[in-house]
């Protein structure tokens, strides 16, 4: 199941008993801060959760495996998420790091 922003807003509403307007503003503000920080080239680290990092990918040659046609994949910027050790342990209980 994919969680959408409205699900997160609803969870914030019920968890900390805010009305929908304030919960939506809270979620929107947090996401906006994360996006603006990443846009400026900085990393975002959330303790116990992980960090987001902006990476620049160089242009490269790709190939369609079905038709074998090659084409150039342009240079681009991507956001990568790295989970913290605490979060990885929660996702994989009983496994050694």
C-alpha atoms as a PDB file:
ATOM      1  CA  UNK A   1       0.000   0.000   0.000  1.00  0.00           C
ATOM      2  CA  UNK A   2       1.280   3.428  -0.905  1.00  0.00           C
ATOM      3  CA  UNK A   3       0.834   6.178   1.652  1.00  0.00           C
ATOM      4  CA  UNK A   4      -0.097   9.552   0.258  1.00  0.00           C
ATOM      5  CA  UNK A   5       0.297  12.949   1.851  1.00  0.00           C
ATOM      6  CA  UNK A   6      -3.360  13.002   2.905  1.00  0.00           C
ATOM      7  CA  UNK A   7      -2.799   9.794   4.909  1.00  0.00           C
ATOM      8  CA  UNK A   8       0.113  11.412   6.711  1.00  0.00           C
ATOM      9  CA  UNK A   9      -1.948  14.524   7.454  1.00  0.00           C
ATOM     10  CA  UNK A  10      -4.749  12.337   8.839  1.00  0.00           C
ATOM     11  CA  UNK A  11      -2.278  10.433  11.041  1.00  0.00           C
ATOM     12  CA  UNK A  12      -0.814  13.687  12.391  1.00  0.00           C
ATOM     13  CA  UNK A  13      -4.344  14.939  13.101  1.00  0.00           C
ATOM     14  CA  UNK A  14      -5.220  11.894  15.179  1.00  0.00           C
ATOM     15  CA  UNK A  15      -1.854  11.371  16.853  1.00  0.00           C
ATOM     16  CA  UNK A  16      -1.467  14.884  18.247  1.00  0.00           C
ATOM     17  CA  UNK A  17      -5.137  15.925  18.113  1.00  0.00           C
ATOM     18  CA  UNK A  18      -4.867  18.864  15.750  1.00  0.00           C
ATOM     19  CA  UNK A  19      -7.570  19.988  13.416  1.00  0.00           C
ATOM     20  CA  UNK A  20      -7.030  19.208   9.748  1.00  0.00           C
ATOM     21  CA  UNK A  21      -5.939  22.742   8.792  1.00  0.00           C
ATOM     22  CA  UNK A  22      -3.103  22.830  11.355  1.00  0.00           C
ATOM     23  CA  UNK A  23      -2.013  19.259  10.610  1.00  0.00           C
ATOM     24  CA  UNK A  24      -1.879  20.033   6.880  1.00  0.00           C
ATOM     25  CA  UNK A  25       0.151  23.216   7.516  1.00  0.00           C
ATOM     26  CA  UNK A  26       2.552  21.267   9.736  1.00  0.00           C
ATOM     27  CA  UNK A  27       3.149  18.512   7.163  1.00  0.00           C
ATOM     28  CA  UNK A  28       3.418  21.033   4.290  1.00  0.00           C
ATOM     29  CA  UNK A  29       5.905  23.138   6.282  1.00  0.00           C
ATOM     30  CA  UNK A  30       8.125  20.163   7.092  1.00  0.00           C
ATOM     31  CA  UNK A  31       8.148  18.988   3.470  1.00  0.00           C
ATOM     32  CA  UNK A  32       8.833  22.511   2.240  1.00  0.00           C
ATOM     33  CA  UNK A  33      11.810  22.879   4.594  1.00  0.00           C
ATOM     34  CA  UNK A  34      13.219  19.535   3.421  1.00  0.00           C
ATOM     35  CA  UNK A  35      12.742  20.435  -0.265  1.00  0.00           C
ATOM     36  CA  UNK A  36      14.287  23.907   0.110  1.00  0.00           C
ATOM     37  CA  UNK A  37      17.263  22.524   2.022  1.00  0.00           C
ATOM     38  CA  UNK A  38      17.898  19.871  -0.635  1.00  0.00           C
ATOM     39  CA  UNK A  39      17.407  22.430  -3.402  1.00  0.00           C
ATOM     40  CA  UNK A  40      20.180  24.540  -1.873  1.00  0.00           C
ATOM     41  CA  UNK A  41      22.517  21.521  -2.038  1.00  0.00           C
ATOM     42  CA  UNK A  42      22.568  20.685   1.665  1.00  0.00           C
ATOM     43  CA  UNK A  43      21.822  17.300   3.205  1.00  0.00           C
ATOM     44  CA  UNK A  44      18.862  16.720   5.510  1.00  0.00           C
ATOM     45  CA  UNK A  45      19.545  14.429   8.468  1.00  0.00           C
ATOM     46  CA  UNK A  46      16.693  13.245  10.681  1.00  0.00           C
ATOM     47  CA  UNK A  47      18.065  11.464  13.730  1.00  0.00           C
ATOM     48  CA  UNK A  48      16.781   7.902  14.087  1.00  0.00           C
ATOM     49  CA  UNK A  49      15.332   7.972  10.565  1.00  0.00           C
ATOM     50  CA  UNK A  50      18.052   8.706   8.030  1.00  0.00           C
ATOM     51  CA  UNK A  51      19.295  11.390   5.707  1.00  0.00           C
ATOM     52  CA  UNK A  52      18.520  12.741   2.269  1.00  0.00           C
ATOM     53  CA  UNK A  53      21.344  13.734  -0.042  1.00  0.00           C
ATOM     54  CA  UNK A  54      21.400  15.427  -3.450  1.00  0.00           C
ATOM     55  CA  UNK A  55      23.544  13.630  -6.030  1.00  0.00           C
ATOM     56  CA  UNK A  56      24.593  14.818  -9.466  1.00  0.00           C
ATOM     57  CA  UNK A  57      24.635  12.069 -12.078  1.00  0.00           C
ATOM     58  CA  UNK A  58      26.832  12.403 -15.122  1.00  0.00           C
ATOM     59  CA  UNK A  59      25.469  11.809 -18.619  1.00  0.00           C
ATOM     60  CA  UNK A  60      25.864   8.228 -19.794  1.00  0.00           C
ATOM     61  CA  UNK A  61      24.933   5.905 -22.605  1.00  0.00           C
ATOM     62  CA  UNK A  62      21.962   3.628 -22.003  1.00  0.00           C
ATOM     63  CA  UNK A  63      20.592   0.749 -24.019  1.00  0.00           C
ATOM     64  CA  UNK A  64      17.115  -0.659 -24.436  1.00  0.00           C
ATOM     65  CA  UNK A  65      17.668  -4.357 -23.608  1.00  0.00           C
ATOM     66  CA  UNK A  66      14.806  -5.454 -25.840  1.00  0.00           C
ATOM     67  CA  UNK A  67      15.701  -3.540 -29.018  1.00  0.00           C
ATOM     68  CA  UNK A  68      19.446  -3.011 -28.303  1.00  0.00           C
ATOM     69  CA  UNK A  69      19.070   0.630 -29.375  1.00  0.00           C
ATOM     70  CA  UNK A  70      21.503   2.925 -27.559  1.00  0.00           C
ATOM     71  CA  UNK A  71      20.702   6.460 -26.442  1.00  0.00           C
ATOM     72  CA  UNK A  72      22.202   9.107 -24.213  1.00  0.00           C
ATOM     73  CA  UNK A  73      20.826   9.564 -20.701  1.00  0.00           C
ATOM     74  CA  UNK A  74      21.261  13.233 -19.844  1.00  0.00           C
ATOM     75  CA  UNK A  75      22.925  14.676 -16.777  1.00  0.00           C
ATOM     76  CA  UNK A  76      20.521  15.031 -13.863  1.00  0.00           C
ATOM     77  CA  UNK A  77      20.153  15.649 -10.157  1.00  0.00           C
ATOM     78  CA  UNK A  78      18.600  12.980  -7.920  1.00  0.00           C
ATOM     79  CA  UNK A  79      17.742  12.776  -4.232  1.00  0.00           C
ATOM     80  CA  UNK A  80      18.952   9.677  -2.426  1.00  0.00           C
ATOM     81  CA  UNK A  81      17.740   8.470   0.972  1.00  0.00           C
ATOM     82  CA  UNK A  82      20.053   6.629   3.355  1.00  0.00           C
ATOM     83  CA  UNK A  83      18.303   5.056   6.376  1.00  0.00           C
ATOM     84  CA  UNK A  84      19.953   5.348   9.789  1.00  0.00           C
ATOM     85  CA  UNK A  85      21.283   2.289  11.603  1.00  0.00           C
ATOM     86  CA  UNK A  86      18.383   2.554  14.062  1.00  0.00           C
ATOM     87  CA  UNK A  87      15.821   2.549  11.246  1.00  0.00           C
ATOM     88  CA  UNK A  88      17.569  -0.316   9.422  1.00  0.00           C
ATOM     89  CA  UNK A  89      17.437  -2.392  12.629  1.00  0.00           C
ATOM     90  CA  UNK A  90      13.717  -1.671  12.937  1.00  0.00           C
ATOM     91  CA  UNK A  91      13.176  -2.744   9.317  1.00  0.00           C
ATOM     92  CA  UNK A  92      15.286  -5.903   9.727  1.00  0.00           C
ATOM     93  CA  UNK A  93      14.847  -7.158  13.304  1.00  0.00           C
ATOM     94  CA  UNK A  94      17.249  -9.915  14.330  1.00  0.00           C
ATOM     95  CA  UNK A  95      19.776  -9.233  11.549  1.00  0.00           C
ATOM     96  CA  UNK A  96      23.346  -8.163  12.311  1.00  0.00           C
ATOM     97  CA  UNK A  97      24.749  -5.004  10.738  1.00  0.00           C
END
